[in-house]
């Protein structure tokens, strides 16, 4: 699982024959809006109007080999680091810390620790995992937005959809009929709810590697005027396996600073 849908690759927009459509929507539920207006809405969702975040998240992870559930209490200083504890069956069994360079965790039951660089995680998961990626995922923000060079409208009766590629290429993507050159590119689509313009879904496809990621914000909530997830479902499909992740948020609070740290006792050895 190497070099899959690297966010560092700038997504190249295709040049359409004739005039580019600049309107999205057109139904009673989704009145027509310009691509520029929706792009502004989408980019504004990257704004973080708070200095500190704390919350509890219930996590369910399933793949073909295992199924795990746990709860985490998370503390985050945006654009810096976040940390937390993991509780299984009411017992705190692990701690973690994510900063700009590494992901570290401790296993209290096995009395060991592990540190991973983001380059190791990128190779492990097949995605260009970095701090911004993880922070945006936790906060329910548009992932990969900085790497989309141009936006194209995609027709949809339920959502406003902005895409990194035009509708003809997306049609070929869905029909598995891409050219060799198109196979090597990355495809990102953002779906906005027509009513409140909240982010509903993010779809990422890397046809060359057979990887697709579907992030669905099934419920969102406004906390102190910040639009964040209440429930998120993530589906990662690859040739090796399919992974399903469910995140449920509880008791989010803002601007109540706390220490972000991970204590590793001297007696702990490196986890195998």
C-alpha atoms as a PDB file:
ATOM      1  CA  UNK A   1       0.000   0.000   0.000  1.00  0.00           C
ATOM      2  CA  UNK A   2       2.517   2.574  -1.156  1.00  0.00           C
ATOM      3  CA  UNK A   3       2.047   6.129  -2.372  1.00  0.00           C
ATOM      4  CA  UNK A   4      -1.731   6.064  -2.458  1.00  0.00           C
ATOM      5  CA  UNK A   5      -3.718   9.262  -3.268  1.00  0.00           C
ATOM      6  CA  UNK A   6      -0.859  11.551  -2.158  1.00  0.00           C
ATOM      7  CA  UNK A   7      -2.324  14.896  -1.248  1.00  0.00           C
ATOM      8  CA  UNK A   8       0.933  16.546  -2.207  1.00  0.00           C
ATOM      9  CA  UNK A   9       0.143  15.976  -5.899  1.00  0.00           C
ATOM     10  CA  UNK A  10      -1.570  19.038  -7.291  1.00  0.00           C
ATOM     11  CA  UNK A  11      -4.848  17.997  -8.932  1.00  0.00           C
ATOM     12  CA  UNK A  12      -4.847  19.207 -12.540  1.00  0.00           C
ATOM     13  CA  UNK A  13      -8.157  20.501 -13.930  1.00  0.00           C
ATOM     14  CA  UNK A  14      -9.143  19.414 -17.439  1.00  0.00           C
ATOM     15  CA  UNK A  15      -9.871  22.028 -20.089  1.00  0.00           C
ATOM     16  CA  UNK A  16     -13.414  21.715 -21.373  1.00  0.00           C
ATOM     17  CA  UNK A  17     -14.363  22.188 -25.013  1.00  0.00           C
ATOM     18  CA  UNK A  18     -16.576  25.258 -25.111  1.00  0.00           C
ATOM     19  CA  UNK A  19     -17.666  27.309 -22.111  1.00  0.00           C
ATOM     20  CA  UNK A  20     -17.312  25.968 -18.601  1.00  0.00           C
ATOM     21  CA  UNK A  21     -20.574  25.691 -16.649  1.00  0.00           C
ATOM     22  CA  UNK A  22     -20.468  28.044 -13.678  1.00  0.00           C
ATOM     23  CA  UNK A  23     -23.727  27.136 -11.939  1.00  0.00           C
ATOM     24  CA  UNK A  24     -24.513  24.351  -9.476  1.00  0.00           C
ATOM     25  CA  UNK A  25     -27.974  23.101  -8.522  1.00  0.00           C
ATOM     26  CA  UNK A  26     -31.233  23.942 -10.218  1.00  0.00           C
ATOM     27  CA  UNK A  27     -33.934  22.159  -8.219  1.00  0.00           C
ATOM     28  CA  UNK A  28     -36.468  23.494  -5.711  1.00  0.00           C
ATOM     29  CA  UNK A  29     -34.337  22.090  -2.881  1.00  0.00           C
ATOM     30  CA  UNK A  30     -31.067  23.308  -4.412  1.00  0.00           C
ATOM     31  CA  UNK A  31     -31.545  26.656  -6.180  1.00  0.00           C
ATOM     32  CA  UNK A  32     -28.794  27.539  -8.627  1.00  0.00           C
ATOM     33  CA  UNK A  33     -25.613  28.990  -7.159  1.00  0.00           C
ATOM     34  CA  UNK A  34     -22.341  29.909  -8.803  1.00  0.00           C
ATOM     35  CA  UNK A  35     -19.245  27.750  -8.489  1.00  0.00           C
ATOM     36  CA  UNK A  36     -17.342  30.760  -7.146  1.00  0.00           C
ATOM     37  CA  UNK A  37     -19.923  31.290  -4.381  1.00  0.00           C
ATOM     38  CA  UNK A  38     -19.807  27.636  -3.336  1.00  0.00           C
ATOM     39  CA  UNK A  39     -16.015  27.548  -3.499  1.00  0.00           C
ATOM     40  CA  UNK A  40     -15.929  30.500  -1.101  1.00  0.00           C
ATOM     41  CA  UNK A  41     -18.302  28.678   1.261  1.00  0.00           C
ATOM     42  CA  UNK A  42     -16.163  25.540   1.065  1.00  0.00           C
ATOM     43  CA  UNK A  43     -12.850  27.324   1.680  1.00  0.00           C
ATOM     44  CA  UNK A  44     -14.329  29.289   4.581  1.00  0.00           C
ATOM     45  CA  UNK A  45     -14.988  25.980   6.316  1.00  0.00           C
ATOM     46  CA  UNK A  46     -11.253  25.704   6.888  1.00  0.00           C
ATOM     47  CA  UNK A  47     -11.470  28.620   9.321  1.00  0.00           C
ATOM     48  CA  UNK A  48     -11.064  27.631  12.988  1.00  0.00           C
ATOM     49  CA  UNK A  49     -12.650  30.283  15.268  1.00  0.00           C
ATOM     50  CA  UNK A  50     -11.327  28.870  18.537  1.00  0.00           C
ATOM     51  CA  UNK A  51      -7.994  28.377  20.263  1.00  0.00           C
ATOM     52  CA  UNK A  52      -8.656  25.069  22.024  1.00  0.00           C
ATOM     53  CA  UNK A  53     -11.005  22.097  21.644  1.00  0.00           C
ATOM     54  CA  UNK A  54     -11.927  19.306  24.021  1.00  0.00           C
ATOM     55  CA  UNK A  55     -14.432  16.539  23.469  1.00  0.00           C
ATOM     56  CA  UNK A  56     -15.284  12.882  23.811  1.00  0.00           C
ATOM     57  CA  UNK A  57     -15.436  10.638  20.755  1.00  0.00           C
ATOM     58  CA  UNK A  58     -16.750   7.084  20.536  1.00  0.00           C
ATOM     59  CA  UNK A  59     -14.943   5.112  17.831  1.00  0.00           C
ATOM     60  CA  UNK A  60     -15.961   1.889  16.055  1.00  0.00           C
ATOM     61  CA  UNK A  61     -13.526   0.306  13.577  1.00  0.00           C
ATOM     62  CA  UNK A  62     -14.236  -2.772  11.474  1.00  0.00           C
ATOM     63  CA  UNK A  63     -12.375  -4.595   8.736  1.00  0.00           C
ATOM     64  CA  UNK A  64     -12.271  -8.188   7.523  1.00  0.00           C
ATOM     65  CA  UNK A  65     -10.023  -9.272  10.401  1.00  0.00           C
ATOM     66  CA  UNK A  66     -11.298  -7.460  13.474  1.00  0.00           C
ATOM     67  CA  UNK A  67     -13.834  -5.167  15.074  1.00  0.00           C
ATOM     68  CA  UNK A  68     -12.874  -2.724  17.840  1.00  0.00           C
ATOM     69  CA  UNK A  69     -14.767  -0.118  19.844  1.00  0.00           C
ATOM     70  CA  UNK A  70     -13.378   2.420  22.278  1.00  0.00           C
ATOM     71  CA  UNK A  71     -13.895   5.922  23.637  1.00  0.00           C
ATOM     72  CA  UNK A  72     -11.398   8.741  23.620  1.00  0.00           C
ATOM     73  CA  UNK A  73     -11.210  12.053  25.435  1.00  0.00           C
ATOM     74  CA  UNK A  74      -9.431  14.449  23.108  1.00  0.00           C
ATOM     75  CA  UNK A  75      -7.705  17.797  23.694  1.00  0.00           C
ATOM     76  CA  UNK A  76      -6.602  19.852  20.681  1.00  0.00           C
ATOM     77  CA  UNK A  77      -4.748  23.084  20.055  1.00  0.00           C
ATOM     78  CA  UNK A  78      -5.491  23.734  16.355  1.00  0.00           C
ATOM     79  CA  UNK A  79      -2.546  23.841  13.952  1.00  0.00           C
ATOM     80  CA  UNK A  80      -0.322  22.522  16.728  1.00  0.00           C
ATOM     81  CA  UNK A  81      -1.137  19.172  18.364  1.00  0.00           C
ATOM     82  CA  UNK A  82      -3.828  17.016  19.921  1.00  0.00           C
ATOM     83  CA  UNK A  83      -3.727  14.284  22.538  1.00  0.00           C
ATOM     84  CA  UNK A  84      -6.040  12.020  24.459  1.00  0.00           C
ATOM     85  CA  UNK A  85      -6.717   8.794  26.272  1.00  0.00           C
ATOM     86  CA  UNK A  86      -8.389   5.646  25.004  1.00  0.00           C
ATOM     87  CA  UNK A  87     -10.861   3.825  27.210  1.00  0.00           C
ATOM     88  CA  UNK A  88     -12.071   0.270  26.556  1.00  0.00           C
ATOM     89  CA  UNK A  89     -14.749  -1.289  28.773  1.00  0.00           C
ATOM     90  CA  UNK A  90     -14.364   1.590  31.199  1.00  0.00           C
ATOM     91  CA  UNK A  91     -10.608   1.079  31.576  1.00  0.00           C
ATOM     92  CA  UNK A  92      -8.089   3.614  30.282  1.00  0.00           C
ATOM     93  CA  UNK A  93      -5.684   1.413  28.384  1.00  0.00           C
ATOM     94  CA  UNK A  94      -3.812   3.813  26.107  1.00  0.00           C
ATOM     95  CA  UNK A  95      -2.778   7.393  25.492  1.00  0.00           C
ATOM     96  CA  UNK A  96      -1.807   9.173  22.280  1.00  0.00           C
ATOM     97  CA  UNK A  97      -0.238  12.388  21.058  1.00  0.00           C
ATOM     98  CA  UNK A  98      -0.275  13.785  17.516  1.00  0.00           C
ATOM     99  CA  UNK A  99       1.878  16.788  16.651  1.00  0.00           C
ATOM    100  CA  UNK A 100       3.245  18.257  13.427  1.00  0.00           C
ATOM    101  CA  UNK A 101       5.933  15.569  13.105  1.00  0.00           C
ATOM    102  CA  UNK A 102       4.877  12.328  14.788  1.00  0.00           C
ATOM    103  CA  UNK A 103       2.114  10.153  16.160  1.00  0.00           C
ATOM    104  CA  UNK A 104       2.957   8.553  19.523  1.00  0.00           C
ATOM    105  CA  UNK A 105       0.967   6.291  21.813  1.00  0.00           C
ATOM    106  CA  UNK A 106       1.349   4.226  24.947  1.00  0.00           C
ATOM    107  CA  UNK A 107      -0.223   0.876  25.789  1.00  0.00           C
ATOM    108  CA  UNK A 108      -0.711   0.783  29.544  1.00  0.00           C
ATOM    109  CA  UNK A 109      -1.763  -2.851  29.588  1.00  0.00           C
ATOM    110  CA  UNK A 110       1.366  -4.032  27.790  1.00  0.00           C
ATOM    111  CA  UNK A 111       3.544  -1.276  29.281  1.00  0.00           C
ATOM    112  CA  UNK A 112       4.991  -0.235  25.951  1.00  0.00           C
ATOM    113  CA  UNK A 113       5.062   2.765  23.627  1.00  0.00           C
ATOM    114  CA  UNK A 114       5.267   3.455  19.898  1.00  0.00           C
ATOM    115  CA  UNK A 115       6.254   6.474  17.813  1.00  0.00           C
ATOM    116  CA  UNK A 116       5.516   6.787  14.110  1.00  0.00           C
ATOM    117  CA  UNK A 117       6.460   9.469  11.611  1.00  0.00           C
ATOM    118  CA  UNK A 118       3.866  10.605   9.123  1.00  0.00           C
ATOM    119  CA  UNK A 119       5.922   9.125   6.298  1.00  0.00           C
ATOM    120  CA  UNK A 120       5.601   5.720   7.957  1.00  0.00           C
ATOM    121  CA  UNK A 121       1.851   6.204   8.334  1.00  0.00           C
ATOM    122  CA  UNK A 122       1.545   7.282   4.710  1.00  0.00           C
ATOM    123  CA  UNK A 123       3.161   4.031   3.607  1.00  0.00           C
ATOM    124  CA  UNK A 124       1.150   1.985   6.080  1.00  0.00           C
ATOM    125  CA  UNK A 125      -2.271   3.352   5.125  1.00  0.00           C
ATOM    126  CA  UNK A 126      -1.630   4.223   1.509  1.00  0.00           C
ATOM    127  CA  UNK A 127      -2.583   7.872   1.997  1.00  0.00           C
ATOM    128  CA  UNK A 128      -0.547  10.994   2.522  1.00  0.00           C
ATOM    129  CA  UNK A 129      -1.399  11.193   6.211  1.00  0.00           C
ATOM    130  CA  UNK A 130      -0.156  14.358   7.895  1.00  0.00           C
ATOM    131  CA  UNK A 131      -1.227  16.526  10.800  1.00  0.00           C
ATOM    132  CA  UNK A 132      -3.556  18.720   8.722  1.00  0.00           C
ATOM    133  CA  UNK A 133      -5.267  15.628   7.329  1.00  0.00           C
ATOM    134  CA  UNK A 134      -5.981  14.216  10.796  1.00  0.00           C
ATOM    135  CA  UNK A 135      -7.040  17.557  12.288  1.00  0.00           C
ATOM    136  CA  UNK A 136      -9.446  18.246   9.410  1.00  0.00           C
ATOM    137  CA  UNK A 137     -10.883  14.754   9.744  1.00  0.00           C
ATOM    138  CA  UNK A 138     -11.527  15.202  13.478  1.00  0.00           C
ATOM    139  CA  UNK A 139     -13.072  18.661  13.048  1.00  0.00           C
ATOM    140  CA  UNK A 140     -15.164  17.717  10.007  1.00  0.00           C
ATOM    141  CA  UNK A 141     -13.458  20.115   7.613  1.00  0.00           C
ATOM    142  CA  UNK A 142     -12.887  19.661   3.851  1.00  0.00           C
ATOM    143  CA  UNK A 143      -9.911  17.346   3.415  1.00  0.00           C
ATOM    144  CA  UNK A 144      -7.439  17.933   0.600  1.00  0.00           C
ATOM    145  CA  UNK A 145      -8.894  21.331  -0.261  1.00  0.00           C
ATOM    146  CA  UNK A 146      -5.541  23.054  -0.669  1.00  0.00           C
ATOM    147  CA  UNK A 147      -4.559  20.706  -3.471  1.00  0.00           C
ATOM    148  CA  UNK A 148      -7.555  21.252  -5.755  1.00  0.00           C
ATOM    149  CA  UNK A 149      -6.484  23.745  -8.405  1.00  0.00           C
ATOM    150  CA  UNK A 150      -9.915  24.266  -9.951  1.00  0.00           C
ATOM    151  CA  UNK A 151     -13.528  23.356  -9.179  1.00  0.00           C
ATOM    152  CA  UNK A 152     -16.178  21.928 -11.496  1.00  0.00           C
ATOM    153  CA  UNK A 153     -19.917  21.552 -10.832  1.00  0.00           C
ATOM    154  CA  UNK A 154     -21.427  18.071 -10.817  1.00  0.00           C
ATOM    155  CA  UNK A 155     -25.180  17.606 -11.271  1.00  0.00           C
ATOM    156  CA  UNK A 156     -26.925  16.169  -8.214  1.00  0.00           C
ATOM    157  CA  UNK A 157     -30.538  16.379  -7.044  1.00  0.00           C
ATOM    158  CA  UNK A 158     -29.708  16.293  -3.321  1.00  0.00           C
ATOM    159  CA  UNK A 159     -26.494  18.257  -2.873  1.00  0.00           C
ATOM    160  CA  UNK A 160     -24.344  21.017  -4.255  1.00  0.00           C
ATOM    161  CA  UNK A 161     -21.328  19.124  -5.605  1.00  0.00           C
ATOM    162  CA  UNK A 162     -17.942  20.614  -6.407  1.00  0.00           C
ATOM    163  CA  UNK A 163     -15.354  18.379  -8.053  1.00  0.00           C
ATOM    164  CA  UNK A 164     -11.669  18.483  -8.909  1.00  0.00           C
ATOM    165  CA  UNK A 165     -12.599  17.272 -12.425  1.00  0.00           C
ATOM    166  CA  UNK A 166     -15.412  17.977 -14.871  1.00  0.00           C
ATOM    167  CA  UNK A 167     -18.516  15.801 -15.183  1.00  0.00           C
ATOM    168  CA  UNK A 168     -17.316  13.958 -18.285  1.00  0.00           C
ATOM    169  CA  UNK A 169     -14.229  12.678 -16.489  1.00  0.00           C
ATOM    170  CA  UNK A 170     -16.267  11.811 -13.365  1.00  0.00           C
ATOM    171  CA  UNK A 171     -18.668   9.823 -15.568  1.00  0.00           C
ATOM    172  CA  UNK A 172     -15.716   7.859 -16.946  1.00  0.00           C
ATOM    173  CA  UNK A 173     -14.438   7.356 -13.389  1.00  0.00           C
ATOM    174  CA  UNK A 174     -17.743   5.863 -12.250  1.00  0.00           C
ATOM    175  CA  UNK A 175     -17.907   3.642 -15.323  1.00  0.00           C
ATOM    176  CA  UNK A 176     -14.284   2.457 -14.886  1.00  0.00           C
ATOM    177  CA  UNK A 177     -13.522   3.838 -18.325  1.00  0.00           C
ATOM    178  CA  UNK A 178     -10.654   6.253 -17.665  1.00  0.00           C
ATOM    179  CA  UNK A 179      -7.686   6.702 -19.975  1.00  0.00           C
ATOM    180  CA  UNK A 180      -4.249   5.621 -18.787  1.00  0.00           C
ATOM    181  CA  UNK A 181      -3.363   9.229 -18.014  1.00  0.00           C
ATOM    182  CA  UNK A 182      -6.601   9.740 -16.073  1.00  0.00           C
ATOM    183  CA  UNK A 183      -5.997   6.558 -14.077  1.00  0.00           C
ATOM    184  CA  UNK A 184      -2.962   8.135 -12.418  1.00  0.00           C
ATOM    185  CA  UNK A 185      -4.818  11.199 -11.141  1.00  0.00           C
ATOM    186  CA  UNK A 186      -6.619  11.880  -7.873  1.00  0.00           C
ATOM    187  CA  UNK A 187     -10.329  12.697  -7.823  1.00  0.00           C
ATOM    188  CA  UNK A 188     -11.963  14.684  -5.028  1.00  0.00           C
ATOM    189  CA  UNK A 189     -15.637  15.632  -4.686  1.00  0.00           C
ATOM    190  CA  UNK A 190     -17.270  17.732  -1.985  1.00  0.00           C
ATOM    191  CA  UNK A 191     -21.000  17.569  -1.299  1.00  0.00           C
ATOM    192  CA  UNK A 192     -22.729  20.442   0.505  1.00  0.00           C
ATOM    193  CA  UNK A 193     -26.217  20.259   1.998  1.00  0.00           C
ATOM    194  CA  UNK A 194     -28.538  22.526   0.028  1.00  0.00           C
ATOM    195  CA  UNK A 195     -30.264  24.013   3.076  1.00  0.00           C
ATOM    196  CA  UNK A 196     -27.566  25.142   5.497  1.00  0.00           C
ATOM    197  CA  UNK A 197     -24.571  24.652   3.158  1.00  0.00           C
ATOM    198  CA  UNK A 198     -22.902  22.327   5.675  1.00  0.00           C
ATOM    199  CA  UNK A 199     -20.379  19.767   4.469  1.00  0.00           C
ATOM    200  CA  UNK A 200     -22.205  16.468   3.904  1.00  0.00           C
ATOM    201  CA  UNK A 201     -19.641  14.221   2.203  1.00  0.00           C
ATOM    202  CA  UNK A 202     -16.082  14.082   0.880  1.00  0.00           C
ATOM    203  CA  UNK A 203     -15.266  11.507  -1.803  1.00  0.00           C
ATOM    204  CA  UNK A 204     -11.676  10.697  -2.789  1.00  0.00           C
ATOM    205  CA  UNK A 205     -10.654   8.233  -5.512  1.00  0.00           C
ATOM    206  CA  UNK A 206      -7.255   6.979  -6.642  1.00  0.00           C
ATOM    207  CA  UNK A 207      -8.066   4.626  -9.552  1.00  0.00           C
ATOM    208  CA  UNK A 208      -4.450   3.608 -10.182  1.00  0.00           C
ATOM    209  CA  UNK A 209      -4.238   2.090  -6.706  1.00  0.00           C
ATOM    210  CA  UNK A 210      -7.841   0.920  -6.499  1.00  0.00           C
ATOM    211  CA  UNK A 211      -8.414   3.071  -3.401  1.00  0.00           C
ATOM    212  CA  UNK A 212     -11.542   5.050  -2.601  1.00  0.00           C
ATOM    213  CA  UNK A 213     -12.418   6.956   0.557  1.00  0.00           C
ATOM    214  CA  UNK A 214     -15.939   8.014   1.467  1.00  0.00           C
ATOM    215  CA  UNK A 215     -16.388  10.389   4.410  1.00  0.00           C
ATOM    216  CA  UNK A 216     -20.053  10.931   5.268  1.00  0.00           C
ATOM    217  CA  UNK A 217     -21.086  13.409   7.945  1.00  0.00           C
ATOM    218  CA  UNK A 218     -24.390  11.782   8.850  1.00  0.00           C
ATOM    219  CA  UNK A 219     -25.059  14.337  11.592  1.00  0.00           C
ATOM    220  CA  UNK A 220     -23.573  17.756  12.265  1.00  0.00           C
ATOM    221  CA  UNK A 221     -23.990  20.176  15.151  1.00  0.00           C
ATOM    222  CA  UNK A 222     -23.385  23.849  15.885  1.00  0.00           C
ATOM    223  CA  UNK A 223     -21.427  24.419  19.070  1.00  0.00           C
ATOM    224  CA  UNK A 224     -20.774  28.064  19.898  1.00  0.00           C
ATOM    225  CA  UNK A 225     -21.447  28.873  16.224  1.00  0.00           C
ATOM    226  CA  UNK A 226     -18.879  26.335  15.003  1.00  0.00           C
ATOM    227  CA  UNK A 227     -20.190  23.719  12.583  1.00  0.00           C
ATOM    228  CA  UNK A 228     -18.695  20.359  13.523  1.00  0.00           C
ATOM    229  CA  UNK A 229     -19.646  16.671  13.207  1.00  0.00           C
ATOM    230  CA  UNK A 230     -21.916  14.857  15.602  1.00  0.00           C
ATOM    231  CA  UNK A 231     -21.561  11.554  13.739  1.00  0.00           C
ATOM    232  CA  UNK A 232     -19.179  10.617  10.927  1.00  0.00           C
ATOM    233  CA  UNK A 233     -18.974   7.416   8.884  1.00  0.00           C
ATOM    234  CA  UNK A 234     -15.771   6.674   6.972  1.00  0.00           C
ATOM    235  CA  UNK A 235     -15.368   3.900   4.401  1.00  0.00           C
ATOM    236  CA  UNK A 236     -11.939   3.072   2.984  1.00  0.00           C
ATOM    237  CA  UNK A 237     -11.844   0.575   0.131  1.00  0.00           C
ATOM    238  CA  UNK A 238      -8.586  -0.857  -1.191  1.00  0.00           C
ATOM    239  CA  UNK A 239      -7.503  -4.043  -2.983  1.00  0.00           C
ATOM    240  CA  UNK A 240      -6.244  -5.401   0.352  1.00  0.00           C
ATOM    241  CA  UNK A 241      -9.316  -4.783   2.509  1.00  0.00           C
ATOM    242  CA  UNK A 242     -12.292  -2.608   3.360  1.00  0.00           C
ATOM    243  CA  UNK A 243     -12.272  -0.566   6.558  1.00  0.00           C
ATOM    244  CA  UNK A 244     -15.292   1.081   8.176  1.00  0.00           C
ATOM    245  CA  UNK A 245     -14.945   3.733  10.887  1.00  0.00           C
ATOM    246  CA  UNK A 246     -17.712   5.419  12.856  1.00  0.00           C
ATOM    247  CA  UNK A 247     -17.085   8.497  15.029  1.00  0.00           C
ATOM    248  CA  UNK A 248     -19.661   9.833  17.492  1.00  0.00           C
ATOM    249  CA  UNK A 249     -18.998  13.127  19.296  1.00  0.00           C
ATOM    250  CA  UNK A 250     -20.118  14.112  22.764  1.00  0.00           C
ATOM    251  CA  UNK A 251     -19.589  17.105  25.078  1.00  0.00           C
ATOM    252  CA  UNK A 252     -17.527  19.349  22.759  1.00  0.00           C
ATOM    253  CA  UNK A 253     -16.123  22.457  24.417  1.00  0.00           C
ATOM    254  CA  UNK A 254     -14.019  25.333  23.142  1.00  0.00           C
ATOM    255  CA  UNK A 255     -11.429  27.731  24.529  1.00  0.00           C
ATOM    256  CA  UNK A 256     -10.805  25.965  27.829  1.00  0.00           C
ATOM    257  CA  UNK A 257      -7.030  25.343  27.525  1.00  0.00           C
ATOM    258  CA  UNK A 258      -5.452  22.241  29.001  1.00  0.00           C
ATOM    259  CA  UNK A 259      -2.059  20.572  28.744  1.00  0.00           C
ATOM    260  CA  UNK A 260      -1.389  18.494  25.656  1.00  0.00           C
ATOM    261  CA  UNK A 261       1.127  15.830  26.566  1.00  0.00           C
ATOM    262  CA  UNK A 262       1.875  12.118  26.606  1.00  0.00           C
ATOM    263  CA  UNK A 263       3.726  10.635  29.541  1.00  0.00           C
ATOM    264  CA  UNK A 264       5.935   7.625  28.715  1.00  0.00           C
ATOM    265  CA  UNK A 265       7.282   5.928  31.870  1.00  0.00           C
ATOM    266  CA  UNK A 266      10.958   4.948  31.830  1.00  0.00           C
ATOM    267  CA  UNK A 267       9.957   1.340  32.451  1.00  0.00           C
ATOM    268  CA  UNK A 268       8.060   1.116  29.136  1.00  0.00           C
ATOM    269  CA  UNK A 269       9.720  -0.628  26.188  1.00  0.00           C
ATOM    270  CA  UNK A 270       8.942  -0.102  22.500  1.00  0.00           C
ATOM    271  CA  UNK A 271       5.835  -1.985  21.346  1.00  0.00           C
ATOM    272  CA  UNK A 272       6.468  -4.780  18.882  1.00  0.00           C
END
